[in-house]
Amino acid sequence: MQSPALTSSLWRHTIAAGFLIVLLASPAQATEVLAVTDTRHPMQNLGNTQLIELDSPSRIEAELAANLPQDPARAAVIVQQRLREGGTALQQRINEAYQDVVDAWSLGITTLPAVIVDQRYVVYGEPDVAKAVARINTYRRAQP
């Protein structure tokens, strides 16, 4: 009869080996998908994809600047009022919009639209995220 400690250890190793086999047998799949675009290049089939719209900061600025008077002093007061009224939700939108631009720039994105998988693989010019991810997965399976 085996000791409980030996049985427990054997069971853990069997489970670990099973997980390893599943991981090695599974084809490489996208785990983090990012789509970078702007309003002129709409994306399709986003699913759970993180979307970065590079023109978001300018759209937010346009919202804040809409219908401002010609007088710079009055315009500044109105913009400050709009910022206050927007509260933390507006501040968060502004922060996220600019952070997204920084993220896209740091990834070296040169053309829109772009679909990035795992911050390593990029497909340019494909507005259908599902198709772009499928192309990347096909490429990854073909690589040793």
N, C-alpha and C. Protein backbone atom coordinates (compact mmCIF):
# COMPACT_ATOMS: atom_id res chain seq x y z
N MET A 1 0.84 -1.17 0.00
CA MET A 1 0.00 0.00 0.00
C MET A 1 0.89 1.24 0.00
N GLN A 2 0.55 2.24 -0.88
CA GLN A 2 1.35 3.45 -0.98
C GLN A 2 0.97 4.41 0.14
N SER A 3 1.95 5.20 0.54
CA SER A 3 1.68 6.19 1.58
C SER A 3 0.85 7.33 0.99
N PRO A 4 0.05 8.04 1.82
CA PRO A 4 -0.75 9.17 1.31
C PRO A 4 0.11 10.26 0.69
N ALA A 5 1.30 10.48 1.25
CA ALA A 5 2.18 11.53 0.71
C ALA A 5 2.63 11.16 -0.70
N LEU A 6 2.98 9.89 -0.92
CA LEU A 6 3.42 9.43 -2.23
C LEU A 6 2.27 9.51 -3.23
N THR A 7 1.08 9.11 -2.81
CA THR A 7 -0.09 9.17 -3.68
C THR A 7 -0.40 10.61 -4.06
N SER A 8 -0.33 11.53 -3.09
CA SER A 8 -0.59 12.94 -3.35
C SER A 8 0.44 13.51 -4.31
N SER A 9 1.70 13.18 -4.11
CA SER A 9 2.77 13.67 -4.97
C SER A 9 2.61 13.12 -6.38
N LEU A 10 2.29 11.85 -6.50
CA LEU A 10 2.09 11.22 -7.80
C LEU A 10 0.91 11.88 -8.52
N TRP A 11 -0.17 12.15 -7.78
CA TRP A 11 -1.35 12.78 -8.34
C TRP A 11 -1.02 14.18 -8.87
N ARG A 12 -0.25 14.97 -8.11
CA ARG A 12 0.12 16.32 -8.55
C ARG A 12 0.97 16.26 -9.81
N HIS A 13 1.90 15.32 -9.88
CA HIS A 13 2.75 15.19 -11.07
C HIS A 13 1.92 14.77 -12.29
N THR A 14 0.95 13.90 -12.08
CA THR A 14 0.09 13.46 -13.17
C THR A 14 -0.72 14.64 -13.70
N ILE A 15 -1.27 15.44 -12.81
CA ILE A 15 -2.05 16.62 -13.22
C ILE A 15 -1.15 17.61 -13.95
N ALA A 16 0.04 17.85 -13.41
CA ALA A 16 0.97 18.79 -14.05
C ALA A 16 1.35 18.30 -15.44
N ALA A 17 1.61 17.01 -15.59
CA ALA A 17 1.95 16.46 -16.90
C ALA A 17 0.78 16.61 -17.87
N GLY A 18 -0.43 16.40 -17.37
CA GLY A 18 -1.61 16.56 -18.21
C GLY A 18 -1.77 17.98 -18.71
N PHE A 19 -1.57 18.94 -17.83
CA PHE A 19 -1.64 20.35 -18.25
C PHE A 19 -0.56 20.68 -19.28
N LEU A 20 0.63 20.16 -19.08
CA LEU A 20 1.72 20.41 -20.01
C LEU A 20 1.39 19.85 -21.39
N ILE A 21 0.83 18.65 -21.42
CA ILE A 21 0.47 18.05 -22.71
C ILE A 21 -0.59 18.90 -23.41
N VAL A 22 -1.58 19.35 -22.67
CA VAL A 22 -2.62 20.19 -23.26
C VAL A 22 -2.03 21.48 -23.80
N LEU A 23 -1.13 22.09 -23.05
CA LEU A 23 -0.51 23.34 -23.51
C LEU A 23 0.33 23.14 -24.76
N LEU A 24 1.10 22.06 -24.78
CA LEU A 24 1.97 21.81 -25.92
C LEU A 24 1.19 21.38 -27.15
N ALA A 25 0.07 20.70 -26.96
CA ALA A 25 -0.72 20.21 -28.07
C ALA A 25 -1.60 21.30 -28.67
N SER A 26 -1.91 22.32 -27.92
CA SER A 26 -2.79 23.38 -28.41
C SER A 26 -2.04 24.26 -29.39
N PRO A 27 -2.68 24.62 -30.50
CA PRO A 27 -2.02 25.55 -31.41
C PRO A 27 -1.91 26.92 -30.74
N ALA A 28 -0.92 27.68 -31.18
CA ALA A 28 -0.74 29.02 -30.62
C ALA A 28 -1.97 29.86 -30.93
N GLN A 29 -2.53 30.47 -29.93
CA GLN A 29 -3.72 31.29 -30.10
C GLN A 29 -3.44 32.68 -29.55
N ALA A 30 -4.15 33.63 -30.11
CA ALA A 30 -4.02 35.01 -29.64
C ALA A 30 -4.52 35.11 -28.21
N THR A 31 -3.74 35.74 -27.36
CA THR A 31 -4.17 35.95 -25.98
C THR A 31 -4.48 37.41 -25.71
N GLU A 32 -3.75 38.32 -26.30
CA GLU A 32 -4.01 39.75 -26.13
C GLU A 32 -4.12 40.36 -27.52
N VAL A 33 -5.29 40.88 -27.83
CA VAL A 33 -5.53 41.44 -29.16
C VAL A 33 -5.85 42.92 -29.01
N LEU A 34 -5.20 43.71 -29.84
CA LEU A 34 -5.34 45.16 -29.82
C LEU A 34 -5.60 45.63 -31.25
N ALA A 35 -6.59 46.47 -31.43
CA ALA A 35 -6.86 47.06 -32.75
C ALA A 35 -6.59 48.55 -32.67
N VAL A 36 -5.79 49.05 -33.60
CA VAL A 36 -5.47 50.48 -33.64
C VAL A 36 -6.04 51.04 -34.94
N THR A 37 -6.83 52.10 -34.80
CA THR A 37 -7.49 52.67 -35.96
C THR A 37 -7.87 54.12 -35.69
N ASP A 38 -8.70 54.68 -36.54
CA ASP A 38 -9.31 55.98 -36.32
C ASP A 38 -10.71 55.93 -36.91
N THR A 39 -11.44 57.03 -36.86
CA THR A 39 -12.83 57.00 -37.34
C THR A 39 -12.93 56.80 -38.85
N ARG A 40 -11.87 57.07 -39.58
CA ARG A 40 -11.89 56.86 -41.03
C ARG A 40 -11.67 55.41 -41.41
N HIS A 41 -11.25 54.57 -40.46
CA HIS A 41 -10.98 53.15 -40.72
C HIS A 41 -11.74 52.30 -39.70
N PRO A 42 -13.06 52.16 -39.87
CA PRO A 42 -13.83 51.38 -38.89
C PRO A 42 -13.42 49.91 -38.88
N MET A 43 -13.46 49.33 -37.70
CA MET A 43 -13.07 47.92 -37.51
C MET A 43 -14.33 47.07 -37.40
N GLN A 44 -14.17 45.78 -37.72
CA GLN A 44 -15.27 44.83 -37.64
C GLN A 44 -14.86 43.65 -36.77
N ASN A 45 -15.85 42.94 -36.25
CA ASN A 45 -15.63 41.71 -35.48
C ASN A 45 -14.62 41.92 -34.35
N LEU A 46 -14.87 42.92 -33.53
CA LEU A 46 -13.93 43.26 -32.45
C LEU A 46 -13.92 42.22 -31.34
N GLY A 47 -15.05 41.64 -31.01
CA GLY A 47 -15.09 40.70 -29.89
C GLY A 47 -14.56 41.35 -28.62
N ASN A 48 -13.60 40.71 -27.98
CA ASN A 48 -13.00 41.24 -26.74
C ASN A 48 -11.75 42.07 -27.00
N THR A 49 -11.57 42.50 -28.23
CA THR A 49 -10.38 43.26 -28.62
C THR A 49 -10.37 44.63 -27.96
N GLN A 50 -9.19 45.03 -27.48
CA GLN A 50 -9.03 46.40 -26.99
C GLN A 50 -8.90 47.31 -28.21
N LEU A 51 -9.72 48.33 -28.27
CA LEU A 51 -9.73 49.24 -29.41
C LEU A 51 -9.05 50.55 -29.05
N ILE A 52 -8.08 50.93 -29.88
CA ILE A 52 -7.43 52.24 -29.74
C ILE A 52 -7.81 53.05 -30.97
N GLU A 53 -8.48 54.17 -30.73
CA GLU A 53 -8.82 55.09 -31.81
C GLU A 53 -7.91 56.31 -31.67
N LEU A 54 -6.99 56.45 -32.59
CA LEU A 54 -5.97 57.48 -32.48
C LEU A 54 -6.53 58.90 -32.56
N ASP A 55 -7.73 59.05 -33.09
CA ASP A 55 -8.31 60.39 -33.14
C ASP A 55 -9.23 60.68 -31.96
N SER A 56 -9.25 59.83 -30.96
CA SER A 56 -10.07 60.09 -29.76
C SER A 56 -9.69 61.39 -29.06
N PRO A 57 -8.40 61.68 -28.86
CA PRO A 57 -8.07 62.95 -28.19
C PRO A 57 -8.62 64.16 -28.94
N SER A 58 -8.50 64.17 -30.26
CA SER A 58 -8.99 65.34 -31.01
C SER A 58 -10.51 65.41 -30.98
N ARG A 59 -11.19 64.26 -30.93
CA ARG A 59 -12.66 64.29 -30.83
C ARG A 59 -13.09 64.84 -29.47
N ILE A 60 -12.39 64.47 -28.41
CA ILE A 60 -12.72 65.00 -27.08
C ILE A 60 -12.46 66.50 -27.04
N GLU A 61 -11.33 66.92 -27.62
CA GLU A 61 -11.03 68.35 -27.67
C GLU A 61 -12.10 69.11 -28.45
N ALA A 62 -12.60 68.51 -29.54
CA ALA A 62 -13.65 69.16 -30.33
C ALA A 62 -14.94 69.29 -29.51
N GLU A 63 -15.24 68.27 -28.70
CA GLU A 63 -16.42 68.35 -27.82
C GLU A 63 -16.27 69.52 -26.85
N LEU A 64 -15.09 69.65 -26.28
CA LEU A 64 -14.86 70.72 -25.31
C LEU A 64 -14.89 72.10 -25.97
N ALA A 65 -14.48 72.16 -27.24
CA ALA A 65 -14.38 73.45 -27.93
C ALA A 65 -15.64 73.81 -28.72
N ALA A 66 -16.63 72.96 -28.71
CA ALA A 66 -17.84 73.21 -29.51
C ALA A 66 -18.55 74.48 -29.06
N ASN A 67 -18.90 75.30 -30.04
CA ASN A 67 -19.71 76.51 -29.83
C ASN A 67 -19.10 77.48 -28.82
N LEU A 68 -17.79 77.59 -28.81
CA LEU A 68 -17.15 78.55 -27.90
C LEU A 68 -17.24 79.96 -28.50
N PRO A 69 -17.32 80.96 -27.64
CA PRO A 69 -17.32 82.34 -28.13
C PRO A 69 -15.93 82.73 -28.65
N GLN A 70 -15.88 83.81 -29.41
CA GLN A 70 -14.62 84.30 -29.97
C GLN A 70 -13.69 84.86 -28.90
N ASP A 71 -14.25 85.38 -27.85
CA ASP A 71 -13.46 85.98 -26.76
C ASP A 71 -12.70 84.87 -26.03
N PRO A 72 -11.34 84.90 -26.08
CA PRO A 72 -10.55 83.84 -25.44
C PRO A 72 -10.80 83.70 -23.94
N ALA A 73 -11.01 84.79 -23.25
CA ALA A 73 -11.24 84.72 -21.80
C ALA A 73 -12.55 84.01 -21.50
N ARG A 74 -13.61 84.37 -22.23
CA ARG A 74 -14.90 83.70 -22.01
C ARG A 74 -14.82 82.24 -22.43
N ALA A 75 -14.12 81.97 -23.53
CA ALA A 75 -13.97 80.59 -24.00
C ALA A 75 -13.26 79.74 -22.96
N ALA A 76 -12.21 80.29 -22.36
CA ALA A 76 -11.47 79.55 -21.33
C ALA A 76 -12.35 79.22 -20.14
N VAL A 77 -13.18 80.17 -19.74
CA VAL A 77 -14.10 79.93 -18.61
C VAL A 77 -15.07 78.81 -18.94
N ILE A 78 -15.59 78.81 -20.16
CA ILE A 78 -16.56 77.78 -20.56
C ILE A 78 -15.89 76.40 -20.62
N VAL A 79 -14.68 76.34 -21.17
CA VAL A 79 -13.97 75.06 -21.23
C VAL A 79 -13.71 74.54 -19.82
N GLN A 80 -13.28 75.42 -18.92
CA GLN A 80 -13.05 74.99 -17.53
C GLN A 80 -14.34 74.49 -16.90
N GLN A 81 -15.44 75.15 -17.19
CA GLN A 81 -16.74 74.72 -16.67
C GLN A 81 -17.09 73.33 -17.23
N ARG A 82 -16.86 73.12 -18.53
CA ARG A 82 -17.16 71.82 -19.14
C ARG A 82 -16.29 70.72 -18.53
N LEU A 83 -15.04 71.05 -18.26
CA LEU A 83 -14.15 70.06 -17.62
C LEU A 83 -14.65 69.71 -16.22
N ARG A 84 -15.07 70.73 -15.47
CA ARG A 84 -15.61 70.47 -14.12
C ARG A 84 -16.88 69.63 -14.19
N GLU A 85 -17.77 70.00 -15.09
CA GLU A 85 -19.04 69.28 -15.21
C GLU A 85 -18.83 67.84 -15.67
N GLY A 86 -17.81 67.63 -16.48
CA GLY A 86 -17.50 66.27 -16.95
C GLY A 86 -16.95 65.40 -15.85
N GLY A 87 -16.38 66.03 -14.84
CA GLY A 87 -15.89 65.32 -13.66
C GLY A 87 -14.85 64.26 -13.96
N THR A 88 -14.81 63.27 -13.10
CA THR A 88 -13.79 62.21 -13.22
C THR A 88 -14.00 61.36 -14.46
N ALA A 89 -15.25 61.22 -14.91
CA ALA A 89 -15.51 60.42 -16.11
C ALA A 89 -14.83 61.05 -17.33
N LEU A 90 -14.94 62.37 -17.46
CA LEU A 90 -14.29 63.07 -18.57
C LEU A 90 -12.78 63.00 -18.43
N GLN A 91 -12.27 63.22 -17.23
CA GLN A 91 -10.82 63.12 -17.00
C GLN A 91 -10.31 61.74 -17.38
N GLN A 92 -11.06 60.71 -17.04
CA GLN A 92 -10.65 59.35 -17.37
C GLN A 92 -10.66 59.13 -18.89
N ARG A 93 -11.69 59.66 -19.57
CA ARG A 93 -11.72 59.56 -21.04
C ARG A 93 -10.50 60.22 -21.66
N ILE A 94 -10.16 61.41 -21.16
CA ILE A 94 -9.01 62.15 -21.69
C ILE A 94 -7.72 61.36 -21.43
N ASN A 95 -7.54 60.90 -20.21
CA ASN A 95 -6.33 60.14 -19.86
C ASN A 95 -6.20 58.89 -20.71
N GLU A 96 -7.29 58.14 -20.84
CA GLU A 96 -7.25 56.90 -21.62
C GLU A 96 -6.97 57.18 -23.09
N ALA A 97 -7.56 58.23 -23.63
CA ALA A 97 -7.36 58.56 -25.04
C ALA A 97 -5.89 58.86 -25.32
N TYR A 98 -5.27 59.66 -24.48
CA TYR A 98 -3.86 59.98 -24.69
C TYR A 98 -2.95 58.79 -24.38
N GLN A 99 -3.29 58.00 -23.39
CA GLN A 99 -2.49 56.80 -23.09
C GLN A 99 -2.55 55.82 -24.25
N ASP A 100 -3.72 55.69 -24.88
CA ASP A 100 -3.84 54.82 -26.04
C ASP A 100 -2.93 55.27 -27.17
N VAL A 101 -2.85 56.58 -27.40
CA VAL A 101 -1.96 57.11 -28.44
C VAL A 101 -0.51 56.76 -28.11
N VAL A 102 -0.12 56.92 -26.86
CA VAL A 102 1.24 56.58 -26.43
C VAL A 102 1.49 55.09 -26.63
N ASP A 103 0.52 54.26 -26.26
CA ASP A 103 0.69 52.81 -26.42
C ASP A 103 0.88 52.42 -27.88
N ALA A 104 0.07 52.99 -28.77
CA ALA A 104 0.20 52.68 -30.19
C ALA A 104 1.55 53.15 -30.72
N TRP A 105 1.96 54.32 -30.31
CA TRP A 105 3.26 54.85 -30.73
C TRP A 105 4.39 53.94 -30.24
N SER A 106 4.30 53.50 -28.99
CA SER A 106 5.37 52.65 -28.43
C SER A 106 5.42 51.28 -29.10
N LEU A 107 4.31 50.83 -29.68
CA LEU A 107 4.30 49.57 -30.41
C LEU A 107 4.84 49.74 -31.83
N GLY A 108 5.04 50.98 -32.24
CA GLY A 108 5.61 51.23 -33.57
C GLY A 108 4.59 51.13 -34.70
N ILE A 109 3.34 51.36 -34.41
CA ILE A 109 2.30 51.25 -35.44
C ILE A 109 2.53 52.33 -36.50
N THR A 110 2.55 51.90 -37.77
CA THR A 110 2.85 52.83 -38.87
C THR A 110 1.70 53.02 -39.84
N THR A 111 0.73 52.12 -39.84
CA THR A 111 -0.36 52.15 -40.80
C THR A 111 -1.66 51.78 -40.10
N LEU A 112 -2.76 52.37 -40.58
CA LEU A 112 -4.07 52.05 -40.01
C LEU A 112 -4.93 51.37 -41.07
N PRO A 113 -5.79 50.48 -40.65
CA PRO A 113 -5.90 49.91 -39.31
C PRO A 113 -4.79 48.90 -39.06
N ALA A 114 -4.58 48.59 -37.79
CA ALA A 114 -3.59 47.59 -37.40
C ALA A 114 -4.19 46.70 -36.32
N VAL A 115 -3.91 45.41 -36.43
CA VAL A 115 -4.31 44.45 -35.40
C VAL A 115 -3.04 43.85 -34.84
N ILE A 116 -2.87 43.96 -33.53
CA ILE A 116 -1.66 43.49 -32.85
C ILE A 116 -2.05 42.36 -31.92
N VAL A 117 -1.28 41.28 -31.96
CA VAL A 117 -1.52 40.14 -31.08
C VAL A 117 -0.29 39.95 -30.20
N ASP A 118 -0.53 39.87 -28.92
CA ASP A 118 0.51 39.63 -27.92
C ASP A 118 1.67 40.61 -28.02
N GLN A 119 1.40 41.83 -28.45
CA GLN A 119 2.40 42.89 -28.60
C GLN A 119 3.59 42.45 -29.45
N ARG A 120 3.35 41.47 -30.34
CA ARG A 120 4.45 40.92 -31.12
C ARG A 120 4.13 40.78 -32.61
N TYR A 121 2.90 40.41 -32.92
CA TYR A 121 2.51 40.16 -34.30
C TYR A 121 1.54 41.24 -34.74
N VAL A 122 1.73 41.76 -35.97
CA VAL A 122 0.89 42.85 -36.46
C VAL A 122 0.41 42.53 -37.88
N VAL A 123 -0.86 42.80 -38.12
CA VAL A 123 -1.41 42.77 -39.47
C VAL A 123 -1.91 44.18 -39.75
N TYR A 124 -1.42 44.76 -40.84
CA TYR A 124 -1.83 46.10 -41.24
C TYR A 124 -2.87 46.02 -42.36
N GLY A 125 -3.80 46.96 -42.35
CA GLY A 125 -4.74 47.11 -43.46
C GLY A 125 -5.95 46.21 -43.43
N GLU A 126 -6.08 45.34 -42.46
CA GLU A 126 -7.24 44.44 -42.37
C GLU A 126 -8.21 44.97 -41.32
N PRO A 127 -9.38 45.47 -41.75
CA PRO A 127 -10.33 46.02 -40.78
C PRO A 127 -11.11 44.96 -40.01
N ASP A 128 -11.07 43.72 -40.47
CA ASP A 128 -11.78 42.63 -39.79
C ASP A 128 -10.83 41.97 -38.80
N VAL A 129 -11.06 42.23 -37.52
CA VAL A 129 -10.16 41.73 -36.47
C VAL A 129 -10.09 40.21 -36.49
N ALA A 130 -11.22 39.54 -36.67
CA ALA A 130 -11.23 38.08 -36.68
C ALA A 130 -10.36 37.53 -37.80
N LYS A 131 -10.42 38.13 -38.98
CA LYS A 131 -9.58 37.68 -40.11
C LYS A 131 -8.10 37.94 -39.82
N ALA A 132 -7.80 39.10 -39.26
CA ALA A 132 -6.41 39.42 -38.95
C ALA A 132 -5.84 38.45 -37.92
N VAL A 133 -6.62 38.16 -36.89
CA VAL A 133 -6.16 37.22 -35.86
C VAL A 133 -6.00 35.83 -36.46
N ALA A 134 -6.89 35.42 -37.35
CA ALA A 134 -6.76 34.11 -38.00
C ALA A 134 -5.47 34.05 -38.81
N ARG A 135 -5.13 35.14 -39.52
CA ARG A 135 -3.86 35.17 -40.28
C ARG A 135 -2.67 35.03 -39.35
N ILE A 136 -2.72 35.73 -38.24
CA ILE A 136 -1.61 35.66 -37.27
C ILE A 136 -1.51 34.25 -36.70
N ASN A 137 -2.64 33.65 -36.34
CA ASN A 137 -2.61 32.30 -35.78
C ASN A 137 -2.09 31.29 -36.79
N THR A 138 -2.46 31.44 -38.06
CA THR A 138 -1.93 30.56 -39.11
C THR A 138 -0.42 30.70 -39.20
N TYR A 139 0.06 31.91 -39.18
CA TYR A 139 1.51 32.16 -39.22
C TYR A 139 2.20 31.53 -38.01
N ARG A 140 1.63 31.72 -36.84
CA ARG A 140 2.25 31.20 -35.61
C ARG A 140 2.31 29.68 -35.61
N ARG A 141 1.26 29.03 -36.12
CA ARG A 141 1.27 27.56 -36.17
C ARG A 141 2.34 27.05 -37.13
N ALA A 142 2.63 27.82 -38.18
CA ALA A 142 3.62 27.40 -39.17
C ALA A 142 5.05 27.59 -38.70
N GLN A 143 5.25 28.41 -37.68
CA GLN A 143 6.59 28.68 -37.16
C GLN A 143 6.99 27.62 -36.14
N PRO A 144 8.27 27.22 -36.16
CA PRO A 144 8.72 26.20 -35.18
C PRO A 144 8.71 26.71 -33.76
